Amino acid sequence: DQALHLWHGSRLLAVNTRTAWKLRNQVATGQKLTRRERQLLETTAKDLVRLLPFSVFLIIPGAELLLPVALTLFPTLIPSTFTTNEQRRRQLIMRNLENSVVRRRLLEHMVARVLVNQRHDASKDVTPIFRSLAKGGIISAEDIRRLAVSFHEDGPLAIQKLPRYILRELCMVMGIYTWSAWCEGLLLPRAMHAVRLRFILQQTLEKREADDRCLAEVDLNALTPQELERENERRRMLWLGHESNLRAQLQDWLSLSLDQDIPNHVLLFLRPCATDLQEVPALLSQDERDHILRLQGRFADAQIHKWLRQNVDRSAQAPKKDEESDLDKSLMQQDIESLKEHVEEVRAEVGEIEATKEQLKDFGQVLKSIGDDELLTIFDALANDKGVVEIDALEKKIQQHLGGKLPDVSALHISLESFYSEDSAAHISREDFSAALSRCRQDC
């Protein structure tokens, strides 16, 4: 796969080189190039320069194994034709994370200067705009115009009033703080280094303004999704989002950049944004999200890193909530089943009580035809030496004496069972039997 990738990259570089040679001949004859043709010519020229050190990995056998290490140390070493879309997105994400940390410091400096300058003018309250900037919300061109007054020559954020460390961080955001600029910071005095950085920034702003004028002549609707991402990224705007949002960002940028009443360095601090930062995690692949979450150190302060961590925490808590909900439902279902069983038991007990009442009523009707003396005579005939009678034998004898008038002896047993205990071995005395008859006649 690696060899096939190198082969396709080499073929594409050869095609771009032939096309760029033709474009060079057109420029030599005085013909005007379109913006796409000029960008292709510039990109191919840079790729040919990068090909010199990169060719070492192609010529030396086995050197391609060290290519990942070299690309880690020098990300811009490889020509663009050898870069896959995943690698390109990974580089852009890393650059955005680095710029996010720097932009946080620039935002703090801008907010402090603007609020101090406008503390006596309540009509120019820009706190909602700063709050949206801090949260990574949507920023329109009108919001930037409201803050542009602070960037004029008499404002607190005029380019001539910016300190050296702010100029250095602006150069870092623009990608122009090179090794040479870093060495100049070590050798030159601070005041002279600030002048040097300011000069580099102004040169870059002039080039960018010229590129914006060329882009304004192009129909933004004709740009492909890849071109929209590239143009937004070149201006250090959010390059993730729907095509309509990317076009809206470019349109707002051009309206601000080409406005003569707005200083050109305003867009170094502020940038139009049509996509909320909370929507960005959904625009990243799972591998890209995992890669961002693995980053530590200064990258942990980036907004996108914080949002991803919050999403991961919420995702981890969601199963716990689901488990708790399932457990609650299970316990509730068990309670319902237990309640149903209890209701059925109560209903059965009530049924038994009703049946017992009916039996006792029938037994009471039978007792009206026989007197207590006859029943006590039956008891005395069955009594033993202790003066007690076994209840089962008493029930059978009474049933025989009644001649089958009592359909079930259970009613009699119910009447007598409350007058003996387990210790008496189911025997009843003459007094208890008489009391049972009296109670039965009274209840019935």
Protein backbone atom coordinates (compact mmCIF):
# COMPACT_ATOMS: atom_id res chain seq x y z
CA ASP A 1 0.00 0.00 0.00
CA GLN A 2 2.84 2.41 0.81
CA ALA A 3 4.53 1.76 -2.55
CA LEU A 4 1.23 2.20 -4.40
CA HIS A 5 0.61 5.47 -2.56
CA LEU A 6 4.07 6.75 -3.55
CA TRP A 7 3.45 5.73 -7.15
CA HIS A 8 0.15 7.61 -7.38
CA GLY A 9 1.69 10.65 -5.67
CA SER A 10 4.59 10.66 -8.13
CA ARG A 11 2.26 10.42 -11.13
CA LEU A 12 0.10 13.28 -9.84
CA LEU A 13 3.18 15.41 -9.23
CA ALA A 14 4.37 14.74 -12.78
CA VAL A 15 0.98 15.77 -14.20
CA ASN A 16 0.94 18.95 -12.11
CA THR A 17 4.50 19.74 -13.23
CA ARG A 18 3.59 19.49 -16.93
CA THR A 19 0.50 21.66 -16.34
CA ALA A 20 2.52 24.21 -14.37
CA TRP A 21 5.12 24.39 -17.16
CA LYS A 22 2.39 25.26 -19.64
CA LEU A 23 1.03 27.91 -17.27
CA ARG A 24 4.51 29.38 -16.92
CA ASN A 25 4.73 29.71 -20.70
CA GLN A 26 1.38 31.49 -20.71
CA VAL A 27 2.63 33.96 -18.12
CA ALA A 28 5.79 34.50 -20.16
CA THR A 29 3.69 35.42 -23.21
CA GLY A 30 1.67 37.94 -21.20
CA GLN A 31 -1.51 35.89 -20.73
CA LYS A 32 -3.50 36.34 -17.53
CA LEU A 33 -4.09 33.30 -15.34
CA THR A 34 -7.21 32.52 -13.40
CA ARG A 35 -7.07 32.21 -9.65
CA ARG A 36 -7.16 28.41 -9.76
CA GLU A 37 -4.36 28.29 -12.34
CA ARG A 38 -2.20 30.64 -10.30
CA GLN A 39 -2.76 28.56 -7.15
CA LEU A 40 -1.83 25.39 -9.06
CA LEU A 41 1.35 27.04 -10.30
CA GLU A 42 2.32 28.18 -6.79
CA THR A 43 1.51 24.81 -5.20
CA THR A 44 3.49 22.87 -7.81
CA ALA A 45 6.51 25.15 -7.38
CA LYS A 46 6.46 24.52 -3.62
CA ASP A 47 6.11 20.77 -4.16
CA LEU A 48 9.15 20.72 -6.45
CA VAL A 49 11.20 22.49 -3.80
CA ARG A 50 10.04 19.99 -1.17
CA LEU A 51 10.84 17.11 -3.52
CA LEU A 52 14.59 17.63 -3.11
CA PRO A 53 14.82 16.42 0.52
CA PHE A 54 11.87 14.06 0.04
CA SER A 55 13.59 12.30 -2.87
CA VAL A 56 16.09 10.85 -0.41
CA PHE A 57 13.35 8.59 0.98
CA LEU A 58 12.48 7.47 -2.57
CA ILE A 59 16.02 6.74 -3.73
CA ILE A 60 17.49 4.96 -0.70
CA PRO A 61 16.02 1.43 -0.34
CA GLY A 62 14.11 0.98 2.90
CA ALA A 63 14.26 4.67 3.76
CA GLU A 64 10.48 4.93 3.42
CA LEU A 65 10.25 3.22 6.81
CA LEU A 66 11.70 6.37 8.38
CA LEU A 67 9.27 8.61 6.52
CA PRO A 68 6.69 8.77 9.39
CA VAL A 69 9.43 9.91 11.78
CA ALA A 70 10.59 12.60 9.36
CA LEU A 71 7.04 13.81 8.80
CA THR A 72 6.50 14.04 12.54
CA LEU A 73 9.55 16.28 12.90
CA PHE A 74 8.96 18.22 9.66
CA PRO A 75 5.24 18.14 8.68
CA THR A 76 5.78 20.29 5.56
CA LEU A 77 8.53 18.06 4.18
CA ILE A 78 6.28 15.95 1.97
CA PRO A 79 4.83 17.36 -1.29
CA SER A 80 1.08 17.92 -1.30
CA THR A 81 0.50 15.17 -3.90
CA PHE A 82 1.77 12.56 -1.42
CA THR A 83 -0.56 13.72 1.34
CA THR A 84 -3.82 11.83 1.82
CA ASN A 85 -7.05 13.53 2.80
CA GLU A 86 -6.83 12.02 6.30
CA GLN A 87 -3.30 13.34 6.78
CA ARG A 88 -4.32 16.77 5.54
CA ARG A 89 -7.25 16.92 7.95
CA ARG A 90 -5.04 15.73 10.79
CA GLN A 91 -2.55 18.53 10.10
CA LEU A 92 -5.33 21.12 9.95
CA ILE A 93 -6.81 19.87 13.22
CA MET A 94 -3.44 20.12 14.96
CA ARG A 95 -2.95 23.63 13.60
CA ASN A 96 -6.42 24.65 14.77
CA LEU A 97 -5.74 23.29 18.25
CA GLU A 98 -2.50 25.25 18.49
CA ASN A 99 -4.18 28.41 17.21
CA SER A 100 -7.07 27.91 19.62
CA VAL A 101 -4.75 28.23 22.60
CA VAL A 102 -3.12 31.35 21.15
CA ARG A 103 -6.47 32.89 20.22
CA ARG A 104 -7.60 32.46 23.80
CA ARG A 105 -4.80 34.78 24.95
CA LEU A 106 -5.54 37.23 22.13
CA LEU A 107 -9.20 37.28 23.14
CA GLU A 108 -8.31 38.05 26.76
CA HIS A 109 -6.09 40.95 25.66
CA MET A 110 -8.76 42.32 23.31
CA VAL A 111 -11.56 42.05 25.88
CA ALA A 112 -9.53 43.82 28.55
CA ARG A 113 -8.59 46.73 26.28
CA VAL A 114 -12.06 47.18 24.78
CA LEU A 115 -13.92 47.04 28.09
CA VAL A 116 -11.56 49.51 29.71
CA ASN A 117 -11.91 51.89 26.77
CA GLN A 118 -15.73 51.67 26.76
CA ARG A 119 -16.40 51.54 30.48
CA HIS A 120 -18.12 54.95 30.43
CA ASP A 121 -20.26 54.25 27.36
CA ALA A 122 -23.11 51.88 28.24
CA SER A 123 -24.65 52.22 24.78
CA LYS A 124 -21.73 50.28 23.29
CA ASP A 125 -22.14 47.15 25.37
CA VAL A 126 -20.33 44.37 23.51
CA THR A 127 -20.37 41.84 26.33
CA PRO A 128 -22.73 39.43 24.47
CA ILE A 129 -20.28 39.36 21.55
CA PHE A 130 -17.36 38.56 23.83
CA ARG A 131 -19.41 35.87 25.56
CA SER A 132 -20.19 34.29 22.19
CA LEU A 133 -16.51 34.46 21.25
CA ALA A 134 -15.49 32.75 24.48
CA LYS A 135 -18.02 29.93 23.97
CA GLY A 136 -17.18 29.45 20.30
CA GLY A 137 -20.56 30.66 19.11
CA ILE A 138 -21.66 32.20 15.82
CA ILE A 139 -20.06 35.56 14.96
CA SER A 140 -21.52 37.63 12.14
CA ALA A 141 -20.01 40.46 10.13
CA GLU A 142 -22.18 42.97 12.01
CA ASP A 143 -20.74 41.83 15.34
CA ILE A 144 -17.22 42.43 14.03
CA ARG A 145 -18.18 45.86 12.70
CA ARG A 146 -19.33 46.87 16.17
CA LEU A 147 -15.88 46.06 17.54
CA ALA A 148 -13.91 47.49 14.61
CA VAL A 149 -13.93 51.01 16.09
CA SER A 150 -11.43 49.84 18.73
CA PHE A 151 -8.92 48.92 16.00
CA HIS A 152 -8.62 52.36 14.40
CA GLU A 153 -5.51 54.47 14.85
CA ASP A 154 -7.00 56.23 17.88
CA GLY A 155 -8.35 53.00 19.38
CA PRO A 156 -6.78 50.83 22.07
CA LEU A 157 -6.09 47.98 19.60
CA ALA A 158 -4.40 49.93 16.82
CA ILE A 159 -1.60 47.93 15.25
CA GLN A 160 0.95 50.56 16.30
CA LYS A 161 -0.10 50.15 19.95
CA LEU A 162 0.11 46.37 20.14
CA PRO A 163 2.87 45.06 22.43
CA ARG A 164 5.57 42.71 21.21
CA TYR A 165 4.12 39.51 22.72
CA ILE A 166 0.76 40.17 21.05
CA LEU A 167 2.49 40.76 17.71
CA ARG A 168 4.38 37.50 18.17
CA GLU A 169 1.18 35.56 18.84
CA LEU A 170 -0.53 37.17 15.84
CA CYS A 171 2.36 35.96 13.69
CA MET A 172 1.93 32.49 15.17
CA VAL A 173 -1.78 32.48 14.25
CA MET A 174 -0.93 33.57 10.70
CA GLY A 175 1.73 30.88 10.42
CA ILE A 176 4.53 33.38 9.68
CA TYR A 177 6.45 33.08 12.94
CA THR A 178 9.33 31.10 11.44
CA TRP A 179 12.69 30.04 12.83
CA SER A 180 14.24 33.22 11.48
CA ALA A 181 11.71 35.35 13.38
CA TRP A 182 12.44 33.37 16.52
CA CYS A 183 16.18 33.91 16.13
CA GLU A 184 15.60 37.61 15.55
CA GLY A 185 13.75 37.73 18.86
CA LEU A 186 16.85 36.38 20.59
CA LEU A 187 19.30 38.74 18.89
CA LEU A 188 17.39 41.99 18.47
CA PRO A 189 16.24 44.33 21.25
CA ARG A 190 12.59 44.05 22.14
CA ALA A 191 11.60 47.38 20.63
CA MET A 192 13.37 46.57 17.36
CA HIS A 193 11.92 43.06 17.31
CA ALA A 194 8.41 44.52 17.75
CA VAL A 195 9.02 46.78 14.75
CA ARG A 196 10.20 43.79 12.74
CA LEU A 197 7.14 41.70 13.65
CA ARG A 198 4.83 44.61 12.84
CA PHE A 199 6.46 44.94 9.42
CA ILE A 200 6.05 41.20 8.72
CA LEU A 201 2.39 41.38 9.72
CA GLN A 202 1.67 44.37 7.50
CA GLN A 203 3.30 42.66 4.53
CA THR A 204 1.22 39.54 5.11
CA LEU A 205 -1.96 41.60 5.45
CA GLU A 206 -1.27 43.35 2.14
CA LYS A 207 -0.80 40.01 0.38
CA ARG A 208 -3.96 38.66 1.92
CA GLU A 209 -5.94 41.73 0.92
CA ALA A 210 -4.76 41.33 -2.67
CA ASP A 211 -5.83 37.68 -2.59
CA ASP A 212 -9.23 38.73 -1.20
CA ARG A 213 -9.73 41.09 -4.14
CA CYS A 214 -9.03 38.22 -6.53
CA LEU A 215 -11.40 35.94 -4.61
CA ALA A 216 -14.13 38.59 -4.73
CA GLU A 217 -14.09 38.31 -8.53
CA VAL A 218 -14.85 34.57 -8.29
CA ASP A 219 -18.36 33.20 -7.88
CA LEU A 220 -18.36 31.57 -4.45
CA ASN A 221 -21.14 29.22 -5.52
CA ALA A 222 -18.77 27.73 -8.11
CA LEU A 223 -16.22 26.66 -5.49
CA THR A 224 -16.01 22.97 -4.68
CA PRO A 225 -16.25 21.73 -1.07
CA GLN A 226 -12.47 21.16 -1.00
CA GLU A 227 -11.84 24.70 -2.26
CA LEU A 228 -14.23 26.13 0.34
CA GLU A 229 -12.36 24.32 3.10
CA ARG A 230 -9.00 25.48 1.75
CA GLU A 231 -10.04 29.14 1.41
CA ASN A 232 -11.50 29.22 4.91
CA GLU A 233 -8.42 27.54 6.34
CA ARG A 234 -6.05 29.93 4.57
CA ARG A 235 -7.84 32.79 6.35
CA ARG A 236 -7.67 30.91 9.66
CA MET A 237 -11.44 30.55 9.84
CA LEU A 238 -13.35 27.44 10.86
CA TRP A 239 -13.09 25.09 7.89
CA LEU A 240 -15.45 22.44 9.28
CA GLY A 241 -19.13 22.80 8.53
CA HIS A 242 -21.80 22.72 5.87
CA GLU A 243 -21.02 24.21 2.46
CA SER A 244 -23.57 26.99 2.97
CA ASN A 245 -21.91 27.96 6.27
CA LEU A 246 -18.46 28.00 4.69
CA ARG A 247 -19.71 30.21 1.85
CA ALA A 248 -21.38 32.54 4.36
CA GLN A 249 -18.10 32.84 6.27
CA LEU A 250 -16.19 33.70 3.10
CA GLN A 251 -18.83 36.25 2.09
CA ASP A 252 -18.64 37.96 5.49
CA TRP A 253 -14.85 37.89 5.35
CA LEU A 254 -14.73 39.56 1.94
CA SER A 255 -17.24 42.21 2.98
CA LEU A 256 -15.02 43.10 5.95
CA SER A 257 -11.65 42.74 4.24
CA LEU A 258 -12.57 44.97 1.30
CA ASP A 259 -14.26 47.61 3.46
CA GLN A 260 -11.98 50.65 3.62
CA ASP A 261 -13.49 51.77 6.94
CA ILE A 262 -12.35 48.62 8.73
CA PRO A 263 -8.64 48.20 9.57
CA ASN A 264 -7.18 45.12 7.91
CA HIS A 265 -5.75 43.73 11.16
CA VAL A 266 -9.24 43.40 12.70
CA LEU A 267 -9.53 39.96 11.12
CA LEU A 268 -6.41 38.86 12.97
CA PHE A 269 -8.33 39.07 16.26
CA LEU A 270 -11.84 38.39 15.00
CA ARG A 271 -13.08 36.04 12.33
CA PRO A 272 -16.59 35.36 11.01
CA CYS A 273 -18.00 32.04 12.16
CA ALA A 274 -21.25 30.51 10.90
CA THR A 275 -20.95 27.16 12.71
CA ASP A 276 -21.33 26.77 16.46
CA LEU A 277 -18.42 24.99 18.11
CA GLN A 278 -20.82 22.52 19.73
CA GLU A 279 -21.60 21.16 16.25
CA VAL A 280 -17.94 20.53 15.39
CA PRO A 281 -17.56 17.14 17.19
CA ALA A 282 -20.27 15.69 14.94
CA LEU A 283 -18.27 16.80 11.88
CA LEU A 284 -15.18 14.84 12.95
CA SER A 285 -14.58 11.16 12.40
CA GLN A 286 -14.19 8.79 15.34
CA ASP A 287 -10.43 8.49 14.71
CA GLU A 288 -10.06 12.27 14.70
CA ARG A 289 -12.02 12.60 17.94
CA ASP A 290 -9.92 9.90 19.60
CA HIS A 291 -6.73 11.60 18.39
CA ILE A 292 -7.79 14.93 19.90
CA LEU A 293 -8.75 13.34 23.22
CA ARG A 294 -5.34 11.67 23.47
CA LEU A 295 -3.60 15.05 23.29
CA GLN A 296 -2.55 16.54 26.60
CA GLY A 297 -0.68 19.59 27.81
CA ARG A 298 -1.55 22.90 26.21
CA PHE A 299 -4.05 21.25 23.84
CA ALA A 300 -6.31 20.38 26.79
CA ASP A 301 -7.26 24.08 27.04
CA ALA A 302 -8.63 24.19 23.50
CA GLN A 303 -12.39 24.63 23.20
CA ILE A 304 -12.88 21.63 20.91
CA HIS A 305 -10.92 19.44 23.35
CA LYS A 306 -13.19 20.55 26.21
CA TRP A 307 -16.36 19.89 24.20
CA LEU A 308 -15.17 16.40 23.28
CA ARG A 309 -14.36 15.60 26.91
CA GLN A 310 -17.82 16.77 27.95
CA ASN A 311 -19.44 14.63 25.26
CA VAL A 312 -17.44 11.61 26.40
CA ASP A 313 -18.46 12.21 30.02
CA ARG A 314 -22.11 12.53 29.04
CA SER A 315 -21.86 9.36 26.95
CA ALA A 316 -20.32 7.52 29.91
CA GLN A 317 -23.07 8.71 32.25
CA ALA A 318 -25.87 7.81 29.83
CA PRO A 319 -25.50 3.99 30.26
CA LYS A 320 -25.50 4.44 34.04
CA LYS A 321 -28.72 6.42 33.83
CA ASP A 322 -30.19 3.76 31.54
CA GLU A 323 -29.18 1.03 33.98
CA GLU A 324 -30.71 2.96 36.88
CA SER A 325 -33.86 3.50 34.86
CA ASP A 326 -34.03 -0.21 33.97
CA LEU A 327 -33.46 -1.12 37.61
CA ASP A 328 -36.22 1.25 38.72
CA LYS A 329 -38.56 -0.23 36.12
CA SER A 330 -37.65 -3.76 37.24
CA LEU A 331 -38.24 -2.92 40.90
CA MET A 332 -41.49 -1.22 40.03
CA GLN A 333 -42.59 -4.28 38.04
CA GLN A 334 -41.68 -6.53 40.98
CA ASP A 335 -43.67 -4.29 43.33
CA ILE A 336 -46.65 -4.45 40.98
CA GLU A 337 -46.47 -8.25 40.79
CA SER A 338 -46.14 -8.50 44.57
CA LEU A 339 -49.10 -6.17 45.01
CA LYS A 340 -51.17 -8.26 42.60
CA GLU A 341 -50.34 -11.43 44.54
CA HIS A 342 -51.28 -9.73 47.81
CA VAL A 343 -54.59 -8.58 46.33
CA GLU A 344 -55.34 -12.13 45.17
CA GLU A 345 -54.55 -13.47 48.64
CA VAL A 346 -56.84 -10.91 50.24
CA ARG A 347 -59.59 -11.76 47.77
CA ALA A 348 -59.17 -15.47 48.59
CA GLU A 349 -59.35 -14.76 52.32
CA VAL A 350 -62.44 -12.62 51.82
CA GLY A 351 -64.01 -15.45 49.81
CA GLU A 352 -63.25 -17.93 52.55
CA ILE A 353 -64.74 -15.60 55.14
CA GLU A 354 -67.90 -15.20 53.09
CA ALA A 355 -68.14 -18.96 52.63
CA THR A 356 -67.62 -19.48 56.36
CA LYS A 357 -70.38 -17.02 57.14
CA GLU A 358 -72.74 -18.96 54.89
CA GLN A 359 -71.77 -22.23 56.55
CA LEU A 360 -72.28 -20.77 60.02
CA LYS A 361 -75.65 -19.43 58.97
CA ASP A 362 -76.72 -22.91 57.83
CA PHE A 363 -75.39 -24.46 61.04
CA GLY A 364 -77.32 -21.89 63.08
CA GLN A 365 -80.54 -22.81 61.29
CA VAL A 366 -79.98 -26.51 62.14
CA LEU A 367 -79.29 -25.74 65.81
CA LYS A 368 -82.74 -24.19 66.16
CA SER A 369 -84.28 -27.68 65.84
CA ILE A 370 -82.24 -29.20 68.68
CA GLY A 371 -81.73 -28.04 72.22
CA ASP A 372 -78.55 -27.58 74.22
CA ASP A 373 -79.57 -30.39 76.60
CA GLU A 374 -79.52 -32.97 73.82
CA LEU A 375 -76.13 -31.78 72.62
CA LEU A 376 -74.74 -31.82 76.17
CA THR A 377 -76.10 -35.38 76.60
CA ILE A 378 -74.16 -36.40 73.50
CA PHE A 379 -71.08 -34.73 74.98
CA ASP A 380 -71.47 -36.54 78.34
CA ALA A 381 -71.77 -39.87 76.55
CA LEU A 382 -68.44 -39.32 74.82
CA ALA A 383 -66.59 -37.69 77.73
CA ASN A 384 -63.60 -39.54 79.20
CA ASP A 385 -62.32 -39.61 82.77
CA LYS A 386 -60.92 -36.07 82.45
CA GLY A 387 -64.26 -34.70 81.31
CA VAL A 388 -63.12 -33.79 77.82
CA VAL A 389 -64.11 -35.07 74.38
CA GLU A 390 -62.12 -35.33 71.18
CA ILE A 391 -63.55 -32.78 68.77
CA ASP A 392 -63.47 -35.05 65.72
CA ALA A 393 -65.48 -37.70 67.55
CA LEU A 394 -67.92 -35.07 68.84
CA GLU A 395 -68.45 -33.71 65.33
CA LYS A 396 -69.20 -37.18 63.92
CA LYS A 397 -71.62 -38.01 66.77
CA ILE A 398 -73.54 -34.76 66.34
CA GLN A 399 -73.72 -35.38 62.59
CA GLN A 400 -75.19 -38.86 63.21
CA HIS A 401 -77.66 -37.49 65.75
CA LEU A 402 -78.90 -34.85 63.33
CA GLY A 403 -79.51 -37.52 60.74
CA GLY A 404 -77.65 -35.76 57.91
CA LYS A 405 -79.41 -32.41 58.39
CA LEU A 406 -75.98 -30.69 58.56
CA PRO A 407 -74.40 -31.01 55.06
CA ASP A 408 -70.84 -30.28 56.18
CA VAL A 409 -69.19 -30.63 59.59
CA SER A 410 -66.74 -27.85 58.71
CA ALA A 411 -69.17 -25.27 60.08
CA LEU A 412 -69.24 -27.03 63.43
CA HIS A 413 -65.47 -27.37 63.37
CA ILE A 414 -65.12 -23.64 62.73
CA SER A 415 -67.33 -22.94 65.73
CA LEU A 416 -65.37 -25.23 68.04
CA GLU A 417 -61.79 -24.59 66.89
CA SER A 418 -61.52 -21.27 68.72
CA PHE A 419 -62.11 -23.05 72.04
CA TYR A 420 -59.12 -25.34 72.02
CA SER A 421 -55.38 -24.93 71.62
CA GLU A 422 -52.57 -27.07 70.30
CA ASP A 423 -51.64 -28.08 73.83
CA SER A 424 -55.05 -29.70 74.39
CA ALA A 425 -54.54 -32.13 71.47
CA ALA A 426 -57.86 -31.14 69.80
CA HIS A 427 -60.01 -31.90 72.90
CA ILE A 428 -62.75 -29.72 74.33
CA SER A 429 -64.27 -29.57 77.80
CA ARG A 430 -67.98 -29.47 78.68
CA GLU A 431 -67.81 -25.77 79.64
CA ASP A 432 -66.07 -24.81 76.40
CA PHE A 433 -68.57 -26.83 74.37
CA SER A 434 -71.48 -25.10 76.09
CA ALA A 435 -69.89 -21.69 75.49
CA ALA A 436 -69.37 -22.56 71.82
CA LEU A 437 -73.05 -23.48 71.43
CA SER A 438 -74.16 -20.25 73.08
CA ARG A 439 -71.89 -18.13 70.87
CA CYS A 440 -73.00 -19.95 67.72
CA ARG A 441 -76.69 -19.39 68.54
CA GLN A 442 -75.97 -15.74 69.36
CA ASP A 443 -74.04 -15.03 66.08
CA CYS A 444 -76.54 -16.82 63.91
